[in-house]
């Protein structure tokens, strides 16, 4: 029993990660490098070395080259997203992903934890690449394209906000403020289990600055969570409400208006909209 328990244990497998990363990276970057090489040697190289003269054609090529380079960069992002989508599909075919509650990295749930670590390695890579690129608004498209997270139309993730790679569902017209985020997974202490549970935010919900949602949280529609608040695991927040605190608790409209110092004219307008 002891030997069997040791074998059935989740662990970081760096050689496997590197072995999977090499084809992932090469297949993602190769198409844009090939196209860039063709553009340079067949177009740019010719006008700068073969025929260095001012013509309408050469001028047009010269002034449009930044747009071509930008298009190649966006194409490179698309290739990385496509490879991540392929890897995510492949991992789910090998071992379908599922939600976990207090799953131990050993025994019957070891494989679930192991495959999560592996696929999450690549989801973190693609998230980092898109969040650090000059076009952060592409993050929403990327997650919807890969399929690990659903982000509704009109939803804004402000600069500096954290978005988990998997098991997150944001409705339409949601907002998450700077330094706020969600974590669909948590380790229950050093010797505890691993919990992975989907987080949901309903349409028109707001997560203000420096707030955090724990695994399994469900936020109702038109609900706002005020700055410096934290919502504990598996909490269900009612729609059309305001929450504040650590842990977050429901507050009245009067307290909400006082906390954010809402002007009287906006308070009246808010009442009219609700009526």
C-alpha atoms as a PDB file:
ATOM      1  CA  UNK A   1       0.000   0.000   0.000  1.00  0.00           C
ATOM      2  CA  UNK A   2       2.836   2.385   0.798  1.00  0.00           C
ATOM      3  CA  UNK A   3       4.507   1.859  -2.576  1.00  0.00           C
ATOM      4  CA  UNK A   4       1.215   2.302  -4.418  1.00  0.00           C
ATOM      5  CA  UNK A   5       0.520   5.512  -2.523  1.00  0.00           C
ATOM      6  CA  UNK A   6       3.915   6.935  -3.502  1.00  0.00           C
ATOM      7  CA  UNK A   7       3.378   6.159  -7.171  1.00  0.00           C
ATOM      8  CA  UNK A   8      -0.091   7.716  -7.266  1.00  0.00           C
ATOM      9  CA  UNK A   9       1.035  11.182  -6.277  1.00  0.00           C
ATOM     10  CA  UNK A  10       0.860  14.500  -8.157  1.00  0.00           C
ATOM     11  CA  UNK A  11       4.169  16.293  -8.598  1.00  0.00           C
ATOM     12  CA  UNK A  12       5.743  18.995 -10.702  1.00  0.00           C
ATOM     13  CA  UNK A  13       7.217  17.420 -13.851  1.00  0.00           C
ATOM     14  CA  UNK A  14       9.538  20.087 -15.239  1.00  0.00           C
ATOM     15  CA  UNK A  15      11.025  17.911 -18.049  1.00  0.00           C
ATOM     16  CA  UNK A  16       7.508  17.207 -19.351  1.00  0.00           C
ATOM     17  CA  UNK A  17       6.589  20.906 -19.167  1.00  0.00           C
ATOM     18  CA  UNK A  18       9.704  21.844 -21.136  1.00  0.00           C
ATOM     19  CA  UNK A  19       9.141  19.036 -23.637  1.00  0.00           C
ATOM     20  CA  UNK A  20       5.589  20.244 -24.292  1.00  0.00           C
ATOM     21  CA  UNK A  21       6.619  23.899 -24.300  1.00  0.00           C
ATOM     22  CA  UNK A  22       9.212  23.528 -27.094  1.00  0.00           C
ATOM     23  CA  UNK A  23       6.744  22.488 -29.867  1.00  0.00           C
ATOM     24  CA  UNK A  24       4.177  24.904 -28.415  1.00  0.00           C
ATOM     25  CA  UNK A  25       6.591  27.827 -28.736  1.00  0.00           C
ATOM     26  CA  UNK A  26       8.097  26.829 -32.093  1.00  0.00           C
ATOM     27  CA  UNK A  27       4.712  26.240 -33.747  1.00  0.00           C
ATOM     28  CA  UNK A  28       3.446  29.563 -32.365  1.00  0.00           C
ATOM     29  CA  UNK A  29       6.346  31.737 -33.479  1.00  0.00           C
ATOM     30  CA  UNK A  30       7.385  30.005 -36.728  1.00  0.00           C
ATOM     31  CA  UNK A  31       4.527  31.254 -38.999  1.00  0.00           C
ATOM     32  CA  UNK A  32       5.128  34.923 -38.171  1.00  0.00           C
ATOM     33  CA  UNK A  33       8.926  34.511 -38.572  1.00  0.00           C
ATOM     34  CA  UNK A  34       8.463  32.867 -41.987  1.00  0.00           C
ATOM     35  CA  UNK A  35       6.090  35.593 -43.188  1.00  0.00           C
ATOM     36  CA  UNK A  36       8.374  38.286 -41.771  1.00  0.00           C
ATOM     37  CA  UNK A  37      11.371  36.759 -43.568  1.00  0.00           C
ATOM     38  CA  UNK A  38       9.482  36.636 -46.858  1.00  0.00           C
ATOM     39  CA  UNK A  39       8.453  40.282 -46.466  1.00  0.00           C
ATOM     40  CA  UNK A  40      12.000  41.381 -45.644  1.00  0.00           C
ATOM     41  CA  UNK A  41      13.950  39.495 -48.307  1.00  0.00           C
ATOM     42  CA  UNK A  42      11.447  39.931 -51.150  1.00  0.00           C
ATOM     43  CA  UNK A  43      10.274  43.487 -50.460  1.00  0.00           C
ATOM     44  CA  UNK A  44      12.262  45.528 -47.917  1.00  0.00           C
ATOM     45  CA  UNK A  45      15.680  44.134 -48.892  1.00  0.00           C
ATOM     46  CA  UNK A  46      15.047  44.983 -52.528  1.00  0.00           C
ATOM     47  CA  UNK A  47      14.132  48.636 -51.999  1.00  0.00           C
ATOM     48  CA  UNK A  48      16.959  49.315 -49.518  1.00  0.00           C
ATOM     49  CA  UNK A  49      19.831  47.522 -51.306  1.00  0.00           C
ATOM     50  CA  UNK A  50      18.930  46.800 -54.928  1.00  0.00           C
ATOM     51  CA  UNK A  51      17.078  49.931 -56.020  1.00  0.00           C
ATOM     52  CA  UNK A  52      17.785  52.759 -53.601  1.00  0.00           C
ATOM     53  CA  UNK A  53      15.801  55.459 -55.313  1.00  0.00           C
ATOM     54  CA  UNK A  54      12.775  57.554 -54.593  1.00  0.00           C
ATOM     55  CA  UNK A  55       9.733  56.140 -56.352  1.00  0.00           C
ATOM     56  CA  UNK A  56       6.080  56.042 -55.476  1.00  0.00           C
ATOM     57  CA  UNK A  57       6.230  52.269 -54.998  1.00  0.00           C
ATOM     58  CA  UNK A  58       9.283  52.394 -52.724  1.00  0.00           C
ATOM     59  CA  UNK A  59       7.806  55.218 -50.674  1.00  0.00           C
ATOM     60  CA  UNK A  60       4.554  53.329 -50.261  1.00  0.00           C
ATOM     61  CA  UNK A  61       6.400  50.205 -49.092  1.00  0.00           C
ATOM     62  CA  UNK A  62       8.567  52.220 -46.704  1.00  0.00           C
ATOM     63  CA  UNK A  63       5.687  54.098 -45.027  1.00  0.00           C
ATOM     64  CA  UNK A  64       3.422  51.039 -44.762  1.00  0.00           C
ATOM     65  CA  UNK A  65       6.117  48.787 -43.268  1.00  0.00           C
ATOM     66  CA  UNK A  66       5.122  49.662 -39.643  1.00  0.00           C
ATOM     67  CA  UNK A  67       1.580  48.494 -40.416  1.00  0.00           C
ATOM     68  CA  UNK A  68       2.935  45.251 -41.849  1.00  0.00           C
ATOM     69  CA  UNK A  69       5.058  44.669 -38.735  1.00  0.00           C
ATOM     70  CA  UNK A  70       2.024  45.378 -36.548  1.00  0.00           C
ATOM     71  CA  UNK A  71      -0.036  42.899 -38.555  1.00  0.00           C
ATOM     72  CA  UNK A  72       2.719  40.284 -38.127  1.00  0.00           C
ATOM     73  CA  UNK A  73       2.722  40.867 -34.357  1.00  0.00           C
ATOM     74  CA  UNK A  74      -1.058  40.434 -34.131  1.00  0.00           C
ATOM     75  CA  UNK A  75      -0.784  37.323 -36.279  1.00  0.00           C
ATOM     76  CA  UNK A  76       1.857  36.038 -33.845  1.00  0.00           C
ATOM     77  CA  UNK A  77      -0.587  36.549 -30.956  1.00  0.00           C
ATOM     78  CA  UNK A  78      -3.234  34.654 -32.893  1.00  0.00           C
ATOM     79  CA  UNK A  79      -0.809  31.741 -33.441  1.00  0.00           C
ATOM     80  CA  UNK A  80      -0.042  31.561 -29.715  1.00  0.00           C
ATOM     81  CA  UNK A  81      -3.765  31.623 -28.897  1.00  0.00           C
ATOM     82  CA  UNK A  82      -4.429  28.870 -31.453  1.00  0.00           C
ATOM     83  CA  UNK A  83      -1.727  26.649 -29.983  1.00  0.00           C
ATOM     84  CA  UNK A  84      -3.129  27.237 -26.491  1.00  0.00           C
ATOM     85  CA  UNK A  85      -6.580  26.292 -27.746  1.00  0.00           C
ATOM     86  CA  UNK A  86      -5.139  23.101 -29.258  1.00  0.00           C
ATOM     87  CA  UNK A  87      -3.283  22.222 -26.050  1.00  0.00           C
ATOM     88  CA  UNK A  88      -6.350  22.935 -23.901  1.00  0.00           C
ATOM     89  CA  UNK A  89      -8.456  20.670 -26.114  1.00  0.00           C
ATOM     90  CA  UNK A  90      -5.741  17.988 -26.021  1.00  0.00           C
ATOM     91  CA  UNK A  91      -5.494  18.010 -22.213  1.00  0.00           C
ATOM     92  CA  UNK A  92      -9.268  17.759 -21.881  1.00  0.00           C
ATOM     93  CA  UNK A  93      -9.287  14.806 -24.259  1.00  0.00           C
ATOM     94  CA  UNK A  94      -6.615  13.051 -22.223  1.00  0.00           C
ATOM     95  CA  UNK A  95      -8.352  13.774 -18.926  1.00  0.00           C
ATOM     96  CA  UNK A  96     -11.575  15.879 -18.928  1.00  0.00           C
ATOM     97  CA  UNK A  97     -11.287  18.850 -16.585  1.00  0.00           C
ATOM     98  CA  UNK A  98     -13.693  19.048 -13.690  1.00  0.00           C
ATOM     99  CA  UNK A  99     -14.296  21.012 -10.528  1.00  0.00           C
ATOM    100  CA  UNK A 100     -12.556  19.767  -7.406  1.00  0.00           C
ATOM    101  CA  UNK A 101     -13.270  20.228  -3.708  1.00  0.00           C
ATOM    102  CA  UNK A 102     -10.529  19.441  -1.205  1.00  0.00           C
ATOM    103  CA  UNK A 103      -8.795  17.147  -3.715  1.00  0.00           C
ATOM    104  CA  UNK A 104      -5.554  15.712  -2.392  1.00  0.00           C
ATOM    105  CA  UNK A 105      -2.432  15.569  -4.622  1.00  0.00           C
ATOM    106  CA  UNK A 106      -2.246  11.864  -3.907  1.00  0.00           C
ATOM    107  CA  UNK A 107      -4.558   8.863  -4.115  1.00  0.00           C
ATOM    108  CA  UNK A 108      -7.649   8.895  -6.333  1.00  0.00           C
ATOM    109  CA  UNK A 109      -7.551  12.649  -7.067  1.00  0.00           C
ATOM    110  CA  UNK A 110      -3.814  12.813  -7.851  1.00  0.00           C
ATOM    111  CA  UNK A 111      -4.364  12.656 -11.608  1.00  0.00           C
ATOM    112  CA  UNK A 112      -6.958  15.455 -11.486  1.00  0.00           C
ATOM    113  CA  UNK A 113      -4.510  17.719  -9.679  1.00  0.00           C
ATOM    114  CA  UNK A 114      -1.631  16.690 -11.946  1.00  0.00           C
ATOM    115  CA  UNK A 115      -3.454  17.467 -15.194  1.00  0.00           C
ATOM    116  CA  UNK A 116      -4.621  20.805 -13.756  1.00  0.00           C
ATOM    117  CA  UNK A 117      -1.028  21.826 -13.042  1.00  0.00           C
ATOM    118  CA  UNK A 118       0.049  20.822 -16.539  1.00  0.00           C
ATOM    119  CA  UNK A 119      -2.680  22.565 -18.538  1.00  0.00           C
ATOM    120  CA  UNK A 120      -2.530  25.592 -16.244  1.00  0.00           C
ATOM    121  CA  UNK A 121       1.161  26.008 -17.062  1.00  0.00           C
ATOM    122  CA  UNK A 122       0.229  26.823 -20.670  1.00  0.00           C
ATOM    123  CA  UNK A 123      -2.816  28.883 -19.735  1.00  0.00           C
ATOM    124  CA  UNK A 124      -0.571  31.069 -17.569  1.00  0.00           C
ATOM    125  CA  UNK A 125       1.855  31.523 -20.458  1.00  0.00           C
ATOM    126  CA  UNK A 126      -0.832  32.723 -22.867  1.00  0.00           C
ATOM    127  CA  UNK A 127      -2.412  34.945 -20.212  1.00  0.00           C
ATOM    128  CA  UNK A 128       0.938  36.566 -19.513  1.00  0.00           C
ATOM    129  CA  UNK A 129       1.609  37.127 -23.223  1.00  0.00           C
ATOM    130  CA  UNK A 130      -1.732  38.854 -23.825  1.00  0.00           C
ATOM    131  CA  UNK A 131      -1.920  40.887 -20.616  1.00  0.00           C
ATOM    132  CA  UNK A 132       1.604  42.264 -21.234  1.00  0.00           C
ATOM    133  CA  UNK A 133       1.061  43.037 -24.910  1.00  0.00           C
ATOM    134  CA  UNK A 134       0.252  46.589 -26.176  1.00  0.00           C
ATOM    135  CA  UNK A 135      -3.364  45.530 -26.787  1.00  0.00           C
ATOM    136  CA  UNK A 136      -4.777  44.338 -23.438  1.00  0.00           C
ATOM    137  CA  UNK A 137      -8.313  44.531 -24.839  1.00  0.00           C
ATOM    138  CA  UNK A 138      -7.462  41.328 -26.722  1.00  0.00           C
ATOM    139  CA  UNK A 139      -7.452  39.416 -23.409  1.00  0.00           C
ATOM    140  CA  UNK A 140     -11.244  38.986 -23.508  1.00  0.00           C
ATOM    141  CA  UNK A 141     -11.120  37.633 -27.041  1.00  0.00           C
ATOM    142  CA  UNK A 142      -8.240  35.288 -26.203  1.00  0.00           C
ATOM    143  CA  UNK A 143      -9.951  33.618 -23.226  1.00  0.00           C
ATOM    144  CA  UNK A 144     -13.205  33.161 -25.145  1.00  0.00           C
ATOM    145  CA  UNK A 145     -11.250  31.746 -28.097  1.00  0.00           C
ATOM    146  CA  UNK A 146      -9.223  29.298 -26.005  1.00  0.00           C
ATOM    147  CA  UNK A 147     -12.390  28.287 -24.135  1.00  0.00           C
ATOM    148  CA  UNK A 148     -11.064  28.125 -20.584  1.00  0.00           C
ATOM    149  CA  UNK A 149     -12.966  31.213 -19.431  1.00  0.00           C
ATOM    150  CA  UNK A 150     -16.124  33.013 -20.619  1.00  0.00           C
ATOM    151  CA  UNK A 151     -16.167  36.804 -20.742  1.00  0.00           C
ATOM    152  CA  UNK A 152     -19.356  38.561 -21.805  1.00  0.00           C
ATOM    153  CA  UNK A 153     -19.732  41.403 -24.279  1.00  0.00           C
ATOM    154  CA  UNK A 154     -18.878  44.845 -22.917  1.00  0.00           C
ATOM    155  CA  UNK A 155     -17.021  43.511 -19.871  1.00  0.00           C
ATOM    156  CA  UNK A 156     -13.977  45.546 -18.808  1.00  0.00           C
ATOM    157  CA  UNK A 157     -11.001  44.213 -16.860  1.00  0.00           C
ATOM    158  CA  UNK A 158      -9.137  47.310 -15.717  1.00  0.00           C
ATOM    159  CA  UNK A 159      -5.365  47.694 -15.791  1.00  0.00           C
ATOM    160  CA  UNK A 160      -3.658  45.769 -13.019  1.00  0.00           C
ATOM    161  CA  UNK A 161      -6.647  43.503 -12.466  1.00  0.00           C
ATOM    162  CA  UNK A 162      -6.089  39.768 -12.078  1.00  0.00           C
ATOM    163  CA  UNK A 163      -8.132  37.265 -14.046  1.00  0.00           C
ATOM    164  CA  UNK A 164      -7.916  33.540 -13.377  1.00  0.00           C
ATOM    165  CA  UNK A 165      -7.122  31.320 -16.331  1.00  0.00           C
ATOM    166  CA  UNK A 166      -9.904  28.800 -15.881  1.00  0.00           C
ATOM    167  CA  UNK A 167     -13.367  28.316 -14.409  1.00  0.00           C
ATOM    168  CA  UNK A 168     -14.442  31.945 -14.605  1.00  0.00           C
ATOM    169  CA  UNK A 169     -17.656  33.207 -16.149  1.00  0.00           C
ATOM    170  CA  UNK A 170     -18.194  36.957 -16.437  1.00  0.00           C
ATOM    171  CA  UNK A 171     -21.534  38.215 -17.717  1.00  0.00           C
ATOM    172  CA  UNK A 172     -22.138  41.156 -20.030  1.00  0.00           C
ATOM    173  CA  UNK A 173     -21.129  44.716 -19.083  1.00  0.00           C
ATOM    174  CA  UNK A 174     -19.225  43.664 -15.958  1.00  0.00           C
ATOM    175  CA  UNK A 175     -16.330  45.629 -14.497  1.00  0.00           C
ATOM    176  CA  UNK A 176     -13.356  44.535 -12.411  1.00  0.00           C
ATOM    177  CA  UNK A 177     -11.242  47.361 -11.012  1.00  0.00           C
ATOM    178  CA  UNK A 178      -7.470  47.790 -10.655  1.00  0.00           C
ATOM    179  CA  UNK A 179      -5.746  45.363  -8.284  1.00  0.00           C
ATOM    180  CA  UNK A 180      -8.887  43.241  -8.078  1.00  0.00           C
ATOM    181  CA  UNK A 181      -9.363  39.712  -9.241  1.00  0.00           C
ATOM    182  CA  UNK A 182     -10.722  36.229  -8.873  1.00  0.00           C
ATOM    183  CA  UNK A 183      -9.117  32.943  -7.936  1.00  0.00           C
ATOM    184  CA  UNK A 184     -11.008  29.818  -8.913  1.00  0.00           C
ATOM    185  CA  UNK A 185      -8.463  27.614  -7.142  1.00  0.00           C
ATOM    186  CA  UNK A 186      -7.011  27.535  -3.641  1.00  0.00           C
ATOM    187  CA  UNK A 187      -4.672  25.258  -1.705  1.00  0.00           C
ATOM    188  CA  UNK A 188      -6.123  24.369   1.685  1.00  0.00           C
ATOM    189  CA  UNK A 189      -2.935  24.816   3.703  1.00  0.00           C
ATOM    190  CA  UNK A 190       0.306  22.866   3.417  1.00  0.00           C
ATOM    191  CA  UNK A 191      -1.204  19.434   4.016  1.00  0.00           C
ATOM    192  CA  UNK A 192      -4.734  20.225   2.876  1.00  0.00           C
ATOM    193  CA  UNK A 193      -6.482  19.545  -0.399  1.00  0.00           C
ATOM    194  CA  UNK A 194      -6.901  21.505  -3.576  1.00  0.00           C
ATOM    195  CA  UNK A 195     -10.175  23.259  -4.422  1.00  0.00           C
ATOM    196  CA  UNK A 196     -11.138  24.289  -7.961  1.00  0.00           C
ATOM    197  CA  UNK A 197     -14.594  25.798  -8.363  1.00  0.00           C
ATOM    198  CA  UNK A 198     -16.115  28.092 -10.987  1.00  0.00           C
ATOM    199  CA  UNK A 199     -16.649  31.794 -10.217  1.00  0.00           C
ATOM    200  CA  UNK A 200     -19.639  33.538 -11.797  1.00  0.00           C
ATOM    201  CA  UNK A 201     -20.430  37.237 -12.076  1.00  0.00           C
ATOM    202  CA  UNK A 202     -23.864  38.187 -13.396  1.00  0.00           C
ATOM    203  CA  UNK A 203     -24.570  40.880 -15.962  1.00  0.00           C
ATOM    204  CA  UNK A 204     -23.782  44.485 -14.968  1.00  0.00           C
ATOM    205  CA  UNK A 205     -21.965  43.438 -11.785  1.00  0.00           C
ATOM    206  CA  UNK A 206     -19.031  45.454 -10.444  1.00  0.00           C
ATOM    207  CA  UNK A 207     -15.897  44.420  -8.576  1.00  0.00           C
ATOM    208  CA  UNK A 208     -14.260  47.599  -7.297  1.00  0.00           C
ATOM    209  CA  UNK A 209     -10.572  48.279  -6.593  1.00  0.00           C
ATOM    210  CA  UNK A 210      -8.577  45.801  -4.453  1.00  0.00           C
ATOM    211  CA  UNK A 211     -11.319  43.189  -4.131  1.00  0.00           C
ATOM    212  CA  UNK A 212     -11.000  39.419  -4.395  1.00  0.00           C
ATOM    213  CA  UNK A 213     -13.411  36.592  -5.173  1.00  0.00           C
ATOM    214  CA  UNK A 214     -12.659  33.095  -3.854  1.00  0.00           C
ATOM    215  CA  UNK A 215     -13.540  29.786  -5.581  1.00  0.00           C
ATOM    216  CA  UNK A 216     -17.228  29.008  -6.020  1.00  0.00           C
ATOM    217  CA  UNK A 217     -18.473  32.584  -5.595  1.00  0.00           C
ATOM    218  CA  UNK A 218     -21.615  33.562  -7.503  1.00  0.00           C
ATOM    219  CA  UNK A 219     -22.371  37.270  -7.884  1.00  0.00           C
ATOM    220  CA  UNK A 220     -25.914  38.211  -8.889  1.00  0.00           C
ATOM    221  CA  UNK A 221     -26.824  40.654 -11.630  1.00  0.00           C
ATOM    222  CA  UNK A 222     -26.493  44.398 -10.963  1.00  0.00           C
ATOM    223  CA  UNK A 223     -24.506  43.729  -7.789  1.00  0.00           C
ATOM    224  CA  UNK A 224     -21.510  45.786  -6.704  1.00  0.00           C
ATOM    225  CA  UNK A 225     -18.690  44.839  -4.349  1.00  0.00           C
ATOM    226  CA  UNK A 226     -17.091  47.908  -2.780  1.00  0.00           C
ATOM    227  CA  UNK A 227     -13.357  48.596  -2.558  1.00  0.00           C
ATOM    228  CA  UNK A 228     -11.170  46.524  -0.221  1.00  0.00           C
ATOM    229  CA  UNK A 229     -13.661  43.676   0.111  1.00  0.00           C
ATOM    230  CA  UNK A 230     -13.191  39.939  -0.036  1.00  0.00           C
ATOM    231  CA  UNK A 231     -15.822  37.298  -0.776  1.00  0.00           C
ATOM    232  CA  UNK A 232     -15.234  33.903   0.829  1.00  0.00           C
ATOM    233  CA  UNK A 233     -15.549  30.486  -0.846  1.00  0.00           C
ATOM    234  CA  UNK A 234     -18.910  29.293  -2.178  1.00  0.00           C
ATOM    235  CA  UNK A 235     -20.689  32.557  -1.268  1.00  0.00           C
ATOM    236  CA  UNK A 236     -23.772  33.526  -3.266  1.00  0.00           C
ATOM    237  CA  UNK A 237     -24.365  37.285  -3.519  1.00  0.00           C
ATOM    238  CA  UNK A 238     -27.912  38.407  -4.202  1.00  0.00           C
ATOM    239  CA  UNK A 239     -28.756  40.447  -7.317  1.00  0.00           C
ATOM    240  CA  UNK A 240     -29.365  44.216  -7.189  1.00  0.00           C
ATOM    241  CA  UNK A 241     -27.347  44.524  -3.982  1.00  0.00           C
ATOM    242  CA  UNK A 242     -24.181  46.069  -2.553  1.00  0.00           C
ATOM    243  CA  UNK A 243     -21.532  44.222  -0.508  1.00  0.00           C
ATOM    244  CA  UNK A 244     -18.631  45.424   1.599  1.00  0.00           C
ATOM    245  CA  UNK A 245     -16.109  44.066   4.117  1.00  0.00           C
ATOM    246  CA  UNK A 246     -13.771  41.179   4.921  1.00  0.00           C
ATOM    247  CA  UNK A 247     -15.639  38.909   4.555  1.00  0.00           C
ATOM    248  CA  UNK A 248     -18.089  40.872   2.416  1.00  0.00           C
ATOM    249  CA  UNK A 249     -21.587  41.339   3.767  1.00  0.00           C
ATOM    250  CA  UNK A 250     -24.667  42.947   2.284  1.00  0.00           C
ATOM    251  CA  UNK A 251     -25.121  46.627   3.095  1.00  0.00           C
ATOM    252  CA  UNK A 252     -28.064  48.999   2.677  1.00  0.00           C
ATOM    253  CA  UNK A 253     -28.323  51.668  -0.004  1.00  0.00           C
ATOM    254  CA  UNK A 254     -27.879  54.319   2.682  1.00  0.00           C
ATOM    255  CA  UNK A 255     -24.547  52.865   3.829  1.00  0.00           C
ATOM    256  CA  UNK A 256     -23.439  52.363   0.228  1.00  0.00           C
ATOM    257  CA  UNK A 257     -24.135  56.011  -0.634  1.00  0.00           C
ATOM    258  CA  UNK A 258     -22.250  57.076   2.492  1.00  0.00           C
ATOM    259  CA  UNK A 259     -19.198  54.923   1.761  1.00  0.00           C
ATOM    260  CA  UNK A 260     -18.718  56.147  -1.794  1.00  0.00           C
ATOM    261  CA  UNK A 261     -19.995  59.692  -1.044  1.00  0.00           C
ATOM    262  CA  UNK A 262     -22.543  59.635  -3.825  1.00  0.00           C
ATOM    263  CA  UNK A 263     -23.958  63.126  -4.672  1.00  0.00           C
ATOM    264  CA  UNK A 264     -27.633  63.751  -3.930  1.00  0.00           C
ATOM    265  CA  UNK A 265     -28.562  64.223  -7.594  1.00  0.00           C
ATOM    266  CA  UNK A 266     -27.135  60.817  -8.449  1.00  0.00           C
ATOM    267  CA  UNK A 267     -28.979  59.225  -5.515  1.00  0.00           C
ATOM    268  CA  UNK A 268     -32.274  60.573  -6.839  1.00  0.00           C
ATOM    269  CA  UNK A 269     -31.455  59.440 -10.344  1.00  0.00           C
ATOM    270  CA  UNK A 270     -30.627  55.982  -9.023  1.00  0.00           C
ATOM    271  CA  UNK A 271     -34.036  55.782  -7.328  1.00  0.00           C
ATOM    272  CA  UNK A 272     -35.775  56.803 -10.552  1.00  0.00           C
ATOM    273  CA  UNK A 273     -33.985  54.111 -12.546  1.00  0.00           C
ATOM    274  CA  UNK A 274     -34.986  51.407 -10.045  1.00  0.00           C
ATOM    275  CA  UNK A 275     -38.610  52.520 -10.127  1.00  0.00           C
END
